[in-house]
N, C-alpha and C. Protein backbone atom coordinates (compact mmCIF):
# COMPACT_ATOMS: atom_id res chain seq x y z
N UNK A 1 -78.73 28.79 -16.56
CA UNK A 1 -78.47 27.42 -16.91
C UNK A 1 -77.28 26.95 -16.09
N UNK A 2 -77.14 25.65 -15.98
CA UNK A 2 -76.01 25.05 -15.28
C UNK A 2 -75.13 24.29 -16.27
N UNK A 3 -73.83 24.52 -16.15
CA UNK A 3 -72.85 23.75 -16.91
C UNK A 3 -71.81 23.23 -15.93
N UNK A 4 -71.12 22.20 -16.34
CA UNK A 4 -70.03 21.67 -15.52
C UNK A 4 -68.74 22.25 -16.08
N UNK A 5 -68.13 23.14 -15.32
CA UNK A 5 -66.90 23.82 -15.75
C UNK A 5 -65.72 23.24 -14.99
N UNK A 6 -64.82 22.62 -15.71
CA UNK A 6 -63.63 22.01 -15.10
C UNK A 6 -64.02 21.12 -13.92
N UNK A 7 -65.13 20.38 -14.09
CA UNK A 7 -65.56 19.43 -13.09
C UNK A 7 -66.49 19.96 -12.02
N UNK A 8 -66.74 21.26 -12.01
CA UNK A 8 -67.62 21.85 -10.99
C UNK A 8 -68.84 22.48 -11.65
N UNK A 9 -69.99 22.29 -11.05
CA UNK A 9 -71.22 22.87 -11.60
C UNK A 9 -71.25 24.36 -11.30
N UNK A 10 -71.51 25.15 -12.36
CA UNK A 10 -71.64 26.60 -12.21
C UNK A 10 -72.93 27.05 -12.89
N UNK A 11 -73.51 28.08 -12.32
CA UNK A 11 -74.69 28.73 -12.92
C UNK A 11 -74.18 29.83 -13.83
N UNK A 12 -74.77 29.94 -15.01
CA UNK A 12 -74.35 30.98 -15.94
C UNK A 12 -75.55 31.55 -16.69
N UNK A 13 -75.45 32.81 -17.03
CA UNK A 13 -76.45 33.45 -17.88
C UNK A 13 -76.03 33.37 -19.34
N UNK A 14 -74.79 32.94 -19.59
CA UNK A 14 -74.26 32.86 -20.96
C UNK A 14 -74.94 31.74 -21.72
N UNK A 15 -75.18 31.97 -23.01
CA UNK A 15 -75.76 30.92 -23.84
C UNK A 15 -74.80 30.43 -24.91
N UNK A 16 -73.56 30.97 -24.88
CA UNK A 16 -72.55 30.50 -25.82
C UNK A 16 -71.18 30.50 -25.13
N UNK A 17 -70.21 29.87 -25.77
CA UNK A 17 -68.89 29.73 -25.16
C UNK A 17 -68.18 31.07 -24.96
N UNK A 18 -68.19 31.98 -25.93
CA UNK A 18 -67.55 33.28 -25.68
C UNK A 18 -68.19 34.03 -24.52
N UNK A 19 -69.49 33.94 -24.38
CA UNK A 19 -70.18 34.60 -23.28
C UNK A 19 -69.77 34.02 -21.93
N UNK A 20 -69.62 32.71 -21.87
CA UNK A 20 -69.18 32.06 -20.63
C UNK A 20 -67.77 32.50 -20.26
N UNK A 21 -66.87 32.53 -21.24
CA UNK A 21 -65.50 32.97 -20.96
C UNK A 21 -65.48 34.40 -20.45
N UNK A 22 -66.28 35.27 -21.06
CA UNK A 22 -66.33 36.67 -20.62
C UNK A 22 -66.93 36.79 -19.22
N UNK A 23 -68.02 36.08 -18.98
CA UNK A 23 -68.68 36.14 -17.68
C UNK A 23 -67.75 35.71 -16.55
N UNK A 24 -66.92 34.70 -16.82
CA UNK A 24 -66.02 34.17 -15.80
C UNK A 24 -64.63 34.80 -15.85
N UNK A 25 -64.49 35.81 -16.70
CA UNK A 25 -63.27 36.61 -16.81
C UNK A 25 -62.03 35.81 -17.21
N UNK A 26 -62.22 34.85 -18.12
CA UNK A 26 -61.09 34.16 -18.73
C UNK A 26 -60.62 34.99 -19.92
N UNK A 27 -59.32 35.06 -20.12
CA UNK A 27 -58.78 35.74 -21.29
C UNK A 27 -58.87 34.78 -22.48
N UNK A 28 -59.75 35.03 -23.43
CA UNK A 28 -59.95 34.07 -24.52
C UNK A 28 -58.73 33.89 -25.41
N UNK A 29 -57.79 34.82 -25.35
CA UNK A 29 -56.60 34.72 -26.19
C UNK A 29 -55.58 33.70 -25.66
N UNK A 30 -55.70 33.35 -24.38
CA UNK A 30 -54.65 32.49 -23.80
C UNK A 30 -55.17 31.18 -23.21
N UNK A 31 -56.44 30.86 -23.42
CA UNK A 31 -56.97 29.61 -22.89
C UNK A 31 -57.30 28.65 -24.02
N UNK A 32 -57.29 27.36 -23.68
CA UNK A 32 -57.77 26.32 -24.58
C UNK A 32 -59.13 25.89 -24.06
N UNK A 33 -60.03 25.50 -24.97
CA UNK A 33 -61.38 25.15 -24.57
C UNK A 33 -61.84 23.85 -25.20
N UNK A 34 -62.73 23.17 -24.47
CA UNK A 34 -63.39 21.97 -24.97
C UNK A 34 -64.81 21.97 -24.43
N UNK A 35 -65.74 21.47 -25.23
CA UNK A 35 -67.13 21.33 -24.82
C UNK A 35 -67.54 19.89 -25.07
N UNK A 36 -68.00 19.24 -24.01
CA UNK A 36 -68.42 17.84 -24.08
C UNK A 36 -67.34 16.95 -24.68
N UNK A 37 -66.10 17.23 -24.31
CA UNK A 37 -64.97 16.41 -24.73
C UNK A 37 -64.38 16.74 -26.08
N UNK A 38 -64.96 17.69 -26.79
CA UNK A 38 -64.46 18.07 -28.11
C UNK A 38 -63.70 19.39 -28.03
N UNK A 39 -62.46 19.39 -28.48
CA UNK A 39 -61.65 20.61 -28.52
C UNK A 39 -62.35 21.65 -29.38
N UNK A 40 -62.37 22.90 -28.89
CA UNK A 40 -62.97 24.00 -29.65
C UNK A 40 -61.87 25.04 -29.91
N UNK A 41 -61.39 25.14 -31.16
CA UNK A 41 -60.37 26.15 -31.47
C UNK A 41 -60.90 27.56 -31.25
N UNK A 42 -60.01 28.46 -30.96
CA UNK A 42 -60.38 29.86 -30.71
C UNK A 42 -61.24 30.41 -31.85
N UNK A 43 -60.90 30.08 -33.07
CA UNK A 43 -61.63 30.63 -34.23
C UNK A 43 -63.03 30.06 -34.37
N UNK A 44 -63.35 28.96 -33.67
CA UNK A 44 -64.66 28.34 -33.79
C UNK A 44 -65.56 28.60 -32.58
N UNK A 45 -65.06 29.27 -31.56
CA UNK A 45 -65.82 29.46 -30.32
C UNK A 45 -67.12 30.23 -30.53
N UNK A 46 -67.12 31.21 -31.42
CA UNK A 46 -68.31 32.05 -31.60
C UNK A 46 -69.54 31.23 -31.99
N UNK A 47 -69.34 30.12 -32.64
CA UNK A 47 -70.46 29.30 -33.08
C UNK A 47 -70.89 28.22 -32.11
N UNK A 48 -70.30 28.19 -30.92
CA UNK A 48 -70.60 27.11 -29.97
C UNK A 48 -71.65 27.58 -28.96
N UNK A 49 -72.86 27.09 -29.13
CA UNK A 49 -73.96 27.37 -28.20
C UNK A 49 -73.86 26.39 -27.04
N UNK A 50 -74.22 26.85 -25.86
CA UNK A 50 -74.21 25.99 -24.68
C UNK A 50 -75.62 25.54 -24.34
N UNK A 51 -75.71 24.33 -23.83
CA UNK A 51 -76.98 23.77 -23.37
C UNK A 51 -76.84 23.40 -21.90
N UNK A 52 -77.93 23.39 -21.20
CA UNK A 52 -77.94 23.00 -19.80
C UNK A 52 -77.30 21.62 -19.66
N UNK A 53 -76.33 21.50 -18.75
CA UNK A 53 -75.66 20.22 -18.51
C UNK A 53 -74.40 19.99 -19.32
N UNK A 54 -74.05 20.91 -20.23
CA UNK A 54 -72.81 20.74 -21.01
C UNK A 54 -71.60 20.69 -20.08
N UNK A 55 -70.59 19.97 -20.54
CA UNK A 55 -69.32 19.90 -19.82
C UNK A 55 -68.30 20.76 -20.56
N UNK A 56 -67.80 21.78 -19.87
CA UNK A 56 -66.87 22.73 -20.48
C UNK A 56 -65.54 22.64 -19.74
N UNK A 57 -64.47 22.56 -20.50
CA UNK A 57 -63.12 22.59 -19.94
C UNK A 57 -62.43 23.84 -20.45
N UNK A 58 -61.84 24.60 -19.54
CA UNK A 58 -61.06 25.78 -19.89
C UNK A 58 -59.68 25.59 -19.24
N UNK A 59 -58.66 25.57 -20.07
CA UNK A 59 -57.31 25.30 -19.59
C UNK A 59 -56.43 26.49 -19.87
N UNK A 60 -55.79 26.98 -18.80
CA UNK A 60 -54.88 28.11 -18.91
C UNK A 60 -53.44 27.61 -18.86
N UNK A 61 -52.54 28.23 -19.63
CA UNK A 61 -51.13 27.83 -19.55
C UNK A 61 -50.55 28.21 -18.19
N UNK A 62 -49.60 27.42 -17.75
CA UNK A 62 -48.92 27.69 -16.49
C UNK A 62 -47.44 27.79 -16.73
N UNK A 63 -46.82 28.63 -15.94
CA UNK A 63 -45.38 28.75 -16.03
C UNK A 63 -44.74 27.83 -15.01
N UNK A 64 -43.52 27.49 -15.27
CA UNK A 64 -42.81 26.63 -14.33
C UNK A 64 -41.97 25.63 -15.08
N UNK A 65 -41.36 24.78 -14.35
CA UNK A 65 -40.49 23.84 -15.03
C UNK A 65 -40.51 22.51 -14.52
C-alpha cells in the first residue's frame, strides 16, 4: 500500500501504525504521530489501521537551542 509519510509517498507492507513505525525503524517511544491530521497518542497507536492513501506524520524531537 502507499501512504504519504511526512509529505512523501512511501510503499509499505504495514497495515497499522505500529507496523509502519517498526518497518521504517522509528523508535515508538520518542516520536509523536498523527494520521490524516489527527494526533495519535502512543497508547492508542495499536488500534490505528492504515488505508491506502493515508497521510501519516511522524515527528522526532530535536536537540538544539
